């Protein structure tokens, strides 16, 4: 069991290892009233990835925390949005204890729960993006985990200015990996292409759901490295940015170049069909 902390009551204690070392992970869940979009997948991922970090947490306890969060926050935010939308964030840390990096014995995890208003919906005609100058390094031990160690994304996000919606980060070889808060999905004449999960800092919930849905429809989906030429070249039929809160967002302009805008995912992702 964890200690339940509310962000609007002071949040995590000063000695928390998540605050000191980024020793933890988080989930950000799109809510509609008292239900969450793909909620079970978010909670399952938190349990699974917490296990990879050696932080004990039970799914039943996370579900109880979500119920408490709905009782605390839902009415406050649903009155502000016609569709009852808001954002729930769960931050799980190893807790307090230990000197320096080495955790102490018998540490009790902390779960901080917070809520915020739903961000504005991106334009369906396509957003503007650019390439980041900040390289993304993915430790294989931590690949895909939505950990609190997001300093590279923070540095890259500082490049988002003016009308830019996102910047896309590359690995040391120059392959496109992901945005600061989004996964990539490229449409080509041969099918859909996305960077492999092992190359990602965060393997998104919507990314995995979308790949499964496309394959179930009989469409070709390939997980491989994605180059700048793949995205900017003549065989690119559309680039999407995937995020479980904002959905599937088409890129209309990348680094000043117009990209084709495809609405092929508009009929696939409907958050109201995925509420749990």
C-alpha atoms as a PDB file:
ATOM      1  CA  UNK A   1       0.000   0.000   0.000  1.00  0.00           C
ATOM      2  CA  UNK A   2       1.124   3.576  -0.633  1.00  0.00           C
ATOM      3  CA  UNK A   3       0.739   6.894   1.163  1.00  0.00           C
ATOM      4  CA  UNK A   4      -1.916   8.911  -0.677  1.00  0.00           C
ATOM      5  CA  UNK A   5      -0.916  12.562  -1.203  1.00  0.00           C
ATOM      6  CA  UNK A   6      -3.133  15.239  -2.746  1.00  0.00           C
ATOM      7  CA  UNK A   7      -1.407  17.887  -4.863  1.00  0.00           C
ATOM      8  CA  UNK A   8      -3.787  20.567  -3.596  1.00  0.00           C
ATOM      9  CA  UNK A   9      -2.888  19.746   0.008  1.00  0.00           C
ATOM     10  CA  UNK A  10       0.869  20.174  -0.256  1.00  0.00           C
ATOM     11  CA  UNK A  11       1.745  17.259  -2.508  1.00  0.00           C
ATOM     12  CA  UNK A  12       4.801  15.085  -1.912  1.00  0.00           C
ATOM     13  CA  UNK A  13       6.971  15.533   1.193  1.00  0.00           C
ATOM     14  CA  UNK A  14      10.267  17.395   0.770  1.00  0.00           C
ATOM     15  CA  UNK A  15      12.304  14.240   1.354  1.00  0.00           C
ATOM     16  CA  UNK A  16      10.526  12.214  -1.304  1.00  0.00           C
ATOM     17  CA  UNK A  17      12.866  10.322  -3.629  1.00  0.00           C
ATOM     18  CA  UNK A  18      10.765  11.278  -6.622  1.00  0.00           C
ATOM     19  CA  UNK A  19      11.466  14.930  -5.853  1.00  0.00           C
ATOM     20  CA  UNK A  20      15.151  14.336  -5.111  1.00  0.00           C
ATOM     21  CA  UNK A  21      16.091  11.837  -7.820  1.00  0.00           C
ATOM     22  CA  UNK A  22      13.163  11.349 -10.176  1.00  0.00           C
ATOM     23  CA  UNK A  23      12.712   7.947  -8.520  1.00  0.00           C
ATOM     24  CA  UNK A  24       9.230   7.141  -9.733  1.00  0.00           C
ATOM     25  CA  UNK A  25       6.799   7.294 -12.622  1.00  0.00           C
ATOM     26  CA  UNK A  26       3.489   8.871 -13.616  1.00  0.00           C
ATOM     27  CA  UNK A  27       0.330   8.466 -15.662  1.00  0.00           C
ATOM     28  CA  UNK A  28      -1.769  11.221 -17.221  1.00  0.00           C
ATOM     29  CA  UNK A  29      -5.347  10.145 -17.943  1.00  0.00           C
ATOM     30  CA  UNK A  30      -8.006  11.851 -20.041  1.00  0.00           C
ATOM     31  CA  UNK A  31     -11.259  11.887 -18.061  1.00  0.00           C
ATOM     32  CA  UNK A  32     -14.873  12.417 -19.049  1.00  0.00           C
ATOM     33  CA  UNK A  33     -16.879  12.943 -15.905  1.00  0.00           C
ATOM     34  CA  UNK A  34     -16.231   9.998 -13.614  1.00  0.00           C
ATOM     35  CA  UNK A  35     -14.691   7.722 -16.245  1.00  0.00           C
ATOM     36  CA  UNK A  36     -11.277   7.634 -17.905  1.00  0.00           C
ATOM     37  CA  UNK A  37     -10.187   7.010 -21.496  1.00  0.00           C
ATOM     38  CA  UNK A  38      -8.359   3.656 -21.646  1.00  0.00           C
ATOM     39  CA  UNK A  39      -8.174   3.799 -17.855  1.00  0.00           C
ATOM     40  CA  UNK A  40      -7.401   0.096 -17.381  1.00  0.00           C
ATOM     41  CA  UNK A  41      -4.408   0.319 -19.703  1.00  0.00           C
ATOM     42  CA  UNK A  42      -2.998   3.301 -17.836  1.00  0.00           C
ATOM     43  CA  UNK A  43      -3.283   1.576 -14.472  1.00  0.00           C
ATOM     44  CA  UNK A  44      -1.933  -1.721 -15.799  1.00  0.00           C
ATOM     45  CA  UNK A  45       1.092   0.115 -17.224  1.00  0.00           C
ATOM     46  CA  UNK A  46       1.760   1.851 -13.910  1.00  0.00           C
ATOM     47  CA  UNK A  47       1.723  -1.484 -12.066  1.00  0.00           C
ATOM     48  CA  UNK A  48       3.907  -3.162 -14.696  1.00  0.00           C
ATOM     49  CA  UNK A  49       6.477  -0.378 -14.979  1.00  0.00           C
ATOM     50  CA  UNK A  50       6.570   0.196 -11.222  1.00  0.00           C
ATOM     51  CA  UNK A  51       7.523  -3.469 -11.009  1.00  0.00           C
ATOM     52  CA  UNK A  52      10.387  -2.839 -13.418  1.00  0.00           C
ATOM     53  CA  UNK A  53      11.614  -0.114 -11.061  1.00  0.00           C
ATOM     54  CA  UNK A  54      11.111  -2.276  -7.974  1.00  0.00           C
ATOM     55  CA  UNK A  55       8.310  -0.106  -6.555  1.00  0.00           C
ATOM     56  CA  UNK A  56       5.487  -2.267  -5.135  1.00  0.00           C
ATOM     57  CA  UNK A  57       1.952  -1.169  -5.996  1.00  0.00           C
ATOM     58  CA  UNK A  58      -1.330  -3.074  -6.332  1.00  0.00           C
ATOM     59  CA  UNK A  59      -3.869  -2.473  -9.073  1.00  0.00           C
ATOM     60  CA  UNK A  60      -6.731  -2.535  -6.568  1.00  0.00           C
ATOM     61  CA  UNK A  61      -5.119   0.288  -4.577  1.00  0.00           C
ATOM     62  CA  UNK A  62      -4.676   2.398  -7.709  1.00  0.00           C
ATOM     63  CA  UNK A  63      -8.332   1.900  -8.603  1.00  0.00           C
ATOM     64  CA  UNK A  64      -9.379   3.039  -5.116  1.00  0.00           C
ATOM     65  CA  UNK A  65      -7.217   6.149  -5.534  1.00  0.00           C
ATOM     66  CA  UNK A  66      -8.895   6.897  -8.877  1.00  0.00           C
ATOM     67  CA  UNK A  67     -12.326   6.583  -7.269  1.00  0.00           C
ATOM     68  CA  UNK A  68     -11.255   8.993  -4.531  1.00  0.00           C
ATOM     69  CA  UNK A  69      -9.921  11.387  -7.177  1.00  0.00           C
ATOM     70  CA  UNK A  70     -13.195  11.323  -9.098  1.00  0.00           C
ATOM     71  CA  UNK A  71     -15.122  12.079  -5.908  1.00  0.00           C
ATOM     72  CA  UNK A  72     -12.773  14.946  -5.159  1.00  0.00           C
ATOM     73  CA  UNK A  73     -12.286  16.548  -8.571  1.00  0.00           C
ATOM     74  CA  UNK A  74     -14.877  15.488 -11.144  1.00  0.00           C
ATOM     75  CA  UNK A  75     -17.635  17.930 -10.229  1.00  0.00           C
ATOM     76  CA  UNK A  76     -15.158  20.802 -10.088  1.00  0.00           C
ATOM     77  CA  UNK A  77     -13.958  20.302 -13.652  1.00  0.00           C
ATOM     78  CA  UNK A  78     -16.972  18.835 -15.426  1.00  0.00           C
ATOM     79  CA  UNK A  79     -18.909  22.033 -14.750  1.00  0.00           C
ATOM     80  CA  UNK A  80     -16.327  23.895 -16.836  1.00  0.00           C
ATOM     81  CA  UNK A  81     -16.527  21.703 -19.958  1.00  0.00           C
ATOM     82  CA  UNK A  82     -19.601  20.731 -21.970  1.00  0.00           C
ATOM     83  CA  UNK A  83     -18.213  17.228 -22.493  1.00  0.00           C
ATOM     84  CA  UNK A  84     -17.171  16.873 -18.845  1.00  0.00           C
ATOM     85  CA  UNK A  85     -13.493  16.552 -19.739  1.00  0.00           C
ATOM     86  CA  UNK A  86     -10.582  16.960 -17.335  1.00  0.00           C
ATOM     87  CA  UNK A  87      -7.142  15.453 -16.742  1.00  0.00           C
ATOM     88  CA  UNK A  88      -6.159  13.133 -13.894  1.00  0.00           C
ATOM     89  CA  UNK A  89      -2.483  12.672 -13.034  1.00  0.00           C
ATOM     90  CA  UNK A  90      -1.063   9.908 -10.836  1.00  0.00           C
ATOM     91  CA  UNK A  91       2.550  10.265  -9.677  1.00  0.00           C
ATOM     92  CA  UNK A  92       4.001   7.211  -7.930  1.00  0.00           C
ATOM     93  CA  UNK A  93       7.370   7.471  -6.156  1.00  0.00           C
ATOM     94  CA  UNK A  94       9.487   5.065  -4.161  1.00  0.00           C
ATOM     95  CA  UNK A  95       8.805   7.201  -1.090  1.00  0.00           C
ATOM     96  CA  UNK A  96      11.124   8.640   1.543  1.00  0.00           C
ATOM     97  CA  UNK A  97      14.259   6.997   2.909  1.00  0.00           C
ATOM     98  CA  UNK A  98      17.857   6.156   2.239  1.00  0.00           C
ATOM     99  CA  UNK A  99      20.963   8.269   2.059  1.00  0.00           C
ATOM    100  CA  UNK A 100      21.904   9.432  -1.414  1.00  0.00           C
ATOM    101  CA  UNK A 101      20.894   7.299  -4.348  1.00  0.00           C
ATOM    102  CA  UNK A 102      20.585   4.017  -2.455  1.00  0.00           C
ATOM    103  CA  UNK A 103      17.037   3.473  -1.160  1.00  0.00           C
ATOM    104  CA  UNK A 104      16.518   2.540   2.460  1.00  0.00           C
ATOM    105  CA  UNK A 105      14.845  -0.688   3.522  1.00  0.00           C
ATOM    106  CA  UNK A 106      11.106  -0.921   4.008  1.00  0.00           C
ATOM    107  CA  UNK A 107      10.269   2.292   2.164  1.00  0.00           C
ATOM    108  CA  UNK A 108       6.557   2.942   1.686  1.00  0.00           C
ATOM    109  CA  UNK A 109       5.710   4.377  -1.767  1.00  0.00           C
ATOM    110  CA  UNK A 110       3.913   7.704  -2.167  1.00  0.00           C
ATOM    111  CA  UNK A 111       1.135   8.317  -4.697  1.00  0.00           C
ATOM    112  CA  UNK A 112       0.392  11.944  -5.464  1.00  0.00           C
ATOM    113  CA  UNK A 113      -2.934  12.634  -7.160  1.00  0.00           C
ATOM    114  CA  UNK A 114      -3.650  15.856  -9.041  1.00  0.00           C
ATOM    115  CA  UNK A 115      -6.164  17.190 -11.542  1.00  0.00           C
ATOM    116  CA  UNK A 116      -6.222  19.913 -14.172  1.00  0.00           C
ATOM    117  CA  UNK A 117      -8.421  21.309 -16.903  1.00  0.00           C
ATOM    118  CA  UNK A 118      -8.371  19.663 -20.332  1.00  0.00           C
ATOM    119  CA  UNK A 119      -6.045  21.500 -22.739  1.00  0.00           C
ATOM    120  CA  UNK A 120      -7.538  23.074 -25.853  1.00  0.00           C
ATOM    121  CA  UNK A 121      -8.185  20.782 -28.808  1.00  0.00           C
ATOM    122  CA  UNK A 122      -5.584  21.075 -31.616  1.00  0.00           C
ATOM    123  CA  UNK A 123      -6.883  22.165 -35.009  1.00  0.00           C
ATOM    124  CA  UNK A 124      -7.992  19.306 -37.249  1.00  0.00           C
ATOM    125  CA  UNK A 125      -6.318  20.917 -40.285  1.00  0.00           C
ATOM    126  CA  UNK A 126      -2.887  20.143 -38.856  1.00  0.00           C
ATOM    127  CA  UNK A 127      -0.464  21.656 -36.368  1.00  0.00           C
ATOM    128  CA  UNK A 128       3.019  23.110 -36.839  1.00  0.00           C
ATOM    129  CA  UNK A 129       6.045  21.180 -35.586  1.00  0.00           C
ATOM    130  CA  UNK A 130       9.818  21.356 -35.904  1.00  0.00           C
ATOM    131  CA  UNK A 131      12.874  19.223 -35.233  1.00  0.00           C
ATOM    132  CA  UNK A 132      14.457  19.554 -31.811  1.00  0.00           C
ATOM    133  CA  UNK A 133      18.138  20.284 -31.350  1.00  0.00           C
ATOM    134  CA  UNK A 134      18.116  18.225 -28.151  1.00  0.00           C
ATOM    135  CA  UNK A 135      19.087  14.564 -28.725  1.00  0.00           C
ATOM    136  CA  UNK A 136      17.122  11.849 -26.952  1.00  0.00           C
ATOM    137  CA  UNK A 137      19.064   9.082 -25.230  1.00  0.00           C
ATOM    138  CA  UNK A 138      17.098   6.000 -24.199  1.00  0.00           C
ATOM    139  CA  UNK A 139      18.530   3.657 -21.584  1.00  0.00           C
ATOM    140  CA  UNK A 140      17.424   0.115 -22.555  1.00  0.00           C
ATOM    141  CA  UNK A 141      16.735  -0.621 -18.889  1.00  0.00           C
ATOM    142  CA  UNK A 142      14.198   2.220 -18.766  1.00  0.00           C
ATOM    143  CA  UNK A 143      12.895   2.158 -22.359  1.00  0.00           C
ATOM    144  CA  UNK A 144       9.198   2.900 -22.592  1.00  0.00           C
ATOM    145  CA  UNK A 145       8.685   3.700 -18.890  1.00  0.00           C
ATOM    146  CA  UNK A 146       6.911   6.979 -18.182  1.00  0.00           C
ATOM    147  CA  UNK A 147       9.385   7.749 -15.420  1.00  0.00           C
ATOM    148  CA  UNK A 148       9.930  11.058 -13.655  1.00  0.00           C
ATOM    149  CA  UNK A 149      13.286  11.391 -15.450  1.00  0.00           C
ATOM    150  CA  UNK A 150      12.180  13.736 -18.250  1.00  0.00           C
ATOM    151  CA  UNK A 151      14.921  16.381 -18.287  1.00  0.00           C
ATOM    152  CA  UNK A 152      15.715  15.883 -21.992  1.00  0.00           C
ATOM    153  CA  UNK A 153      12.059  16.473 -22.848  1.00  0.00           C
ATOM    154  CA  UNK A 154      12.031  19.566 -20.640  1.00  0.00           C
ATOM    155  CA  UNK A 155      15.028  21.008 -22.484  1.00  0.00           C
ATOM    156  CA  UNK A 156      13.464  20.215 -25.863  1.00  0.00           C
ATOM    157  CA  UNK A 157      10.109  21.697 -24.842  1.00  0.00           C
ATOM    158  CA  UNK A 158      11.849  25.031 -24.254  1.00  0.00           C
ATOM    159  CA  UNK A 159      12.190  25.195 -28.049  1.00  0.00           C
ATOM    160  CA  UNK A 160       8.406  25.258 -28.522  1.00  0.00           C
ATOM    161  CA  UNK A 161       7.633  28.888 -29.302  1.00  0.00           C
ATOM    162  CA  UNK A 162       5.179  30.919 -31.341  1.00  0.00           C
ATOM    163  CA  UNK A 163       2.762  28.751 -33.288  1.00  0.00           C
ATOM    164  CA  UNK A 164       4.718  25.527 -32.769  1.00  0.00           C
ATOM    165  CA  UNK A 165       2.707  22.721 -31.230  1.00  0.00           C
ATOM    166  CA  UNK A 166       5.545  20.229 -30.786  1.00  0.00           C
ATOM    167  CA  UNK A 167       9.200  19.495 -31.529  1.00  0.00           C
ATOM    168  CA  UNK A 168      10.364  16.049 -32.622  1.00  0.00           C
ATOM    169  CA  UNK A 169      13.433  14.524 -31.005  1.00  0.00           C
ATOM    170  CA  UNK A 170      16.038  12.264 -32.634  1.00  0.00           C
ATOM    171  CA  UNK A 171      18.433   9.634 -31.310  1.00  0.00           C
ATOM    172  CA  UNK A 172      22.222   9.784 -31.648  1.00  0.00           C
ATOM    173  CA  UNK A 173      22.007   8.312 -35.163  1.00  0.00           C
ATOM    174  CA  UNK A 174      19.586  10.995 -36.348  1.00  0.00           C
ATOM    175  CA  UNK A 175      16.520   8.740 -36.426  1.00  0.00           C
ATOM    176  CA  UNK A 176      13.273  10.391 -35.374  1.00  0.00           C
ATOM    177  CA  UNK A 177      12.055   8.931 -32.097  1.00  0.00           C
ATOM    178  CA  UNK A 178       9.205  10.924 -30.535  1.00  0.00           C
ATOM    179  CA  UNK A 179       7.984  14.373 -29.600  1.00  0.00           C
ATOM    180  CA  UNK A 180       8.412  15.898 -26.182  1.00  0.00           C
ATOM    181  CA  UNK A 181       4.980  14.566 -25.215  1.00  0.00           C
ATOM    182  CA  UNK A 182       3.868  12.571 -28.249  1.00  0.00           C
ATOM    183  CA  UNK A 183       4.586   9.375 -30.168  1.00  0.00           C
ATOM    184  CA  UNK A 184       4.932   9.338 -33.967  1.00  0.00           C
ATOM    185  CA  UNK A 185       2.821   7.504 -36.536  1.00  0.00           C
ATOM    186  CA  UNK A 186       3.589   7.977 -40.228  1.00  0.00           C
ATOM    187  CA  UNK A 187       1.330   7.006 -43.114  1.00  0.00           C
ATOM    188  CA  UNK A 188       3.047   5.723 -46.275  1.00  0.00           C
ATOM    189  CA  UNK A 189       1.876   3.978 -49.459  1.00  0.00           C
ATOM    190  CA  UNK A 190       2.955   0.650 -47.890  1.00  0.00           C
ATOM    191  CA  UNK A 191       1.080   1.231 -44.646  1.00  0.00           C
ATOM    192  CA  UNK A 192       1.721   2.794 -41.241  1.00  0.00           C
ATOM    193  CA  UNK A 193       5.207   3.213 -39.777  1.00  0.00           C
ATOM    194  CA  UNK A 194       6.237   4.002 -36.198  1.00  0.00           C
ATOM    195  CA  UNK A 195       9.542   3.829 -34.300  1.00  0.00           C
ATOM    196  CA  UNK A 196       9.927   0.553 -32.345  1.00  0.00           C
ATOM    197  CA  UNK A 197       8.982   0.549 -28.662  1.00  0.00           C
ATOM    198  CA  UNK A 198      12.529  -0.332 -27.570  1.00  0.00           C
ATOM    199  CA  UNK A 199      13.742   2.994 -28.995  1.00  0.00           C
ATOM    200  CA  UNK A 200      11.212   5.108 -27.113  1.00  0.00           C
ATOM    201  CA  UNK A 201      11.577   7.014 -23.875  1.00  0.00           C
ATOM    202  CA  UNK A 202       7.801   6.662 -23.441  1.00  0.00           C
ATOM    203  CA  UNK A 203       5.758   3.970 -25.164  1.00  0.00           C
ATOM    204  CA  UNK A 204       2.375   5.679 -25.091  1.00  0.00           C
ATOM    205  CA  UNK A 205      -0.942   4.061 -24.236  1.00  0.00           C
ATOM    206  CA  UNK A 206      -2.642   5.589 -27.277  1.00  0.00           C
ATOM    207  CA  UNK A 207       0.236   4.492 -29.510  1.00  0.00           C
ATOM    208  CA  UNK A 208      -0.193   0.835 -28.533  1.00  0.00           C
ATOM    209  CA  UNK A 209      -3.989   0.982 -28.767  1.00  0.00           C
ATOM    210  CA  UNK A 210      -3.793   2.598 -32.199  1.00  0.00           C
ATOM    211  CA  UNK A 211      -1.368  -0.005 -33.545  1.00  0.00           C
ATOM    212  CA  UNK A 212      -3.642  -2.794 -32.325  1.00  0.00           C
ATOM    213  CA  UNK A 213      -6.715  -1.140 -33.838  1.00  0.00           C
ATOM    214  CA  UNK A 214      -5.077  -0.569 -37.224  1.00  0.00           C
ATOM    215  CA  UNK A 215      -3.865  -4.162 -37.394  1.00  0.00           C
ATOM    216  CA  UNK A 216      -7.330  -5.402 -36.434  1.00  0.00           C
ATOM    217  CA  UNK A 217      -8.683  -3.451 -39.422  1.00  0.00           C
ATOM    218  CA  UNK A 218      -6.270  -5.330 -41.681  1.00  0.00           C
ATOM    219  CA  UNK A 219      -3.922  -2.397 -42.239  1.00  0.00           C
ATOM    220  CA  UNK A 220      -0.166  -2.856 -42.453  1.00  0.00           C
ATOM    221  CA  UNK A 221       1.762  -1.501 -39.461  1.00  0.00           C
ATOM    222  CA  UNK A 222       5.561  -1.624 -39.362  1.00  0.00           C
ATOM    223  CA  UNK A 223       7.725  -0.776 -36.356  1.00  0.00           C
ATOM    224  CA  UNK A 224      11.105   0.418 -37.627  1.00  0.00           C
ATOM    225  CA  UNK A 225      13.433   3.397 -37.522  1.00  0.00           C
ATOM    226  CA  UNK A 226      12.014   6.567 -39.051  1.00  0.00           C
ATOM    227  CA  UNK A 227      14.295   9.041 -40.815  1.00  0.00           C
ATOM    228  CA  UNK A 228      13.788  12.685 -41.663  1.00  0.00           C
ATOM    229  CA  UNK A 229      13.604  11.627 -45.331  1.00  0.00           C
ATOM    230  CA  UNK A 230      10.747   9.241 -44.514  1.00  0.00           C
ATOM    231  CA  UNK A 231       8.702  12.105 -43.089  1.00  0.00           C
ATOM    232  CA  UNK A 232       9.695  14.915 -45.454  1.00  0.00           C
ATOM    233  CA  UNK A 233       9.989  12.889 -48.669  1.00  0.00           C
ATOM    234  CA  UNK A 234       7.452  12.225 -51.437  1.00  0.00           C
ATOM    235  CA  UNK A 235       6.278   8.930 -49.930  1.00  0.00           C
ATOM    236  CA  UNK A 236       5.001  10.572 -46.772  1.00  0.00           C
ATOM    237  CA  UNK A 237       1.185  10.605 -46.759  1.00  0.00           C
ATOM    238  CA  UNK A 238       0.730  12.120 -43.318  1.00  0.00           C
ATOM    239  CA  UNK A 239       2.390  12.354 -39.918  1.00  0.00           C
ATOM    240  CA  UNK A 240       0.427  12.035 -36.671  1.00  0.00           C
ATOM    241  CA  UNK A 241       1.393  12.929 -33.117  1.00  0.00           C
ATOM    242  CA  UNK A 242      -0.187  10.565 -30.581  1.00  0.00           C
ATOM    243  CA  UNK A 243      -0.959  11.468 -26.984  1.00  0.00           C
ATOM    244  CA  UNK A 244      -3.586   9.913 -24.716  1.00  0.00           C
ATOM    245  CA  UNK A 245      -4.891  13.312 -23.620  1.00  0.00           C
ATOM    246  CA  UNK A 246      -4.963  15.212 -26.930  1.00  0.00           C
ATOM    247  CA  UNK A 247      -5.557  12.217 -29.217  1.00  0.00           C
ATOM    248  CA  UNK A 248      -4.168  11.768 -32.752  1.00  0.00           C
ATOM    249  CA  UNK A 249      -3.010  15.127 -34.104  1.00  0.00           C
ATOM    250  CA  UNK A 250      -2.001  15.573 -37.781  1.00  0.00           C
ATOM    251  CA  UNK A 251       1.076  17.654 -38.597  1.00  0.00           C
ATOM    252  CA  UNK A 252       0.397  20.212 -41.317  1.00  0.00           C
ATOM    253  CA  UNK A 253       3.763  21.980 -41.308  1.00  0.00           C
ATOM    254  CA  UNK A 254       7.100  20.483 -40.263  1.00  0.00           C
ATOM    255  CA  UNK A 255      10.236  22.639 -40.154  1.00  0.00           C
ATOM    256  CA  UNK A 256       8.524  25.114 -42.483  1.00  0.00           C
ATOM    257  CA  UNK A 257       7.546  22.478 -45.064  1.00  0.00           C
ATOM    258  CA  UNK A 258       3.906  21.619 -45.750  1.00  0.00           C
ATOM    259  CA  UNK A 259       2.987  17.993 -45.156  1.00  0.00           C
ATOM    260  CA  UNK A 260      -0.056  16.159 -46.498  1.00  0.00           C
ATOM    261  CA  UNK A 261      -2.812  16.070 -43.887  1.00  0.00           C
ATOM    262  CA  UNK A 262      -4.680  12.784 -43.724  1.00  0.00           C
ATOM    263  CA  UNK A 263      -7.866  12.288 -41.701  1.00  0.00           C
ATOM    264  CA  UNK A 264      -7.539   8.498 -41.685  1.00  0.00           C
ATOM    265  CA  UNK A 265      -7.347   8.287 -37.903  1.00  0.00           C
ATOM    266  CA  UNK A 266     -10.294  10.590 -37.241  1.00  0.00           C
ATOM    267  CA  UNK A 267     -12.780   7.736 -37.575  1.00  0.00           C
ATOM    268  CA  UNK A 268     -10.694   5.391 -35.408  1.00  0.00           C
ATOM    269  CA  UNK A 269     -10.086   7.313 -32.195  1.00  0.00           C
ATOM    270  CA  UNK A 270     -13.241   8.406 -30.383  1.00  0.00           C
ATOM    271  CA  UNK A 271     -12.540   8.935 -26.664  1.00  0.00           C
ATOM    272  CA  UNK A 272     -16.205   8.514 -25.743  1.00  0.00           C
ATOM    273  CA  UNK A 273     -16.039   4.924 -27.005  1.00  0.00           C
ATOM    274  CA  UNK A 274     -13.044   4.142 -24.763  1.00  0.00           C
ATOM    275  CA  UNK A 275     -14.332   5.283 -21.369  1.00  0.00           C
ATOM    276  CA  UNK A 276     -13.931   2.909 -18.449  1.00  0.00           C
END
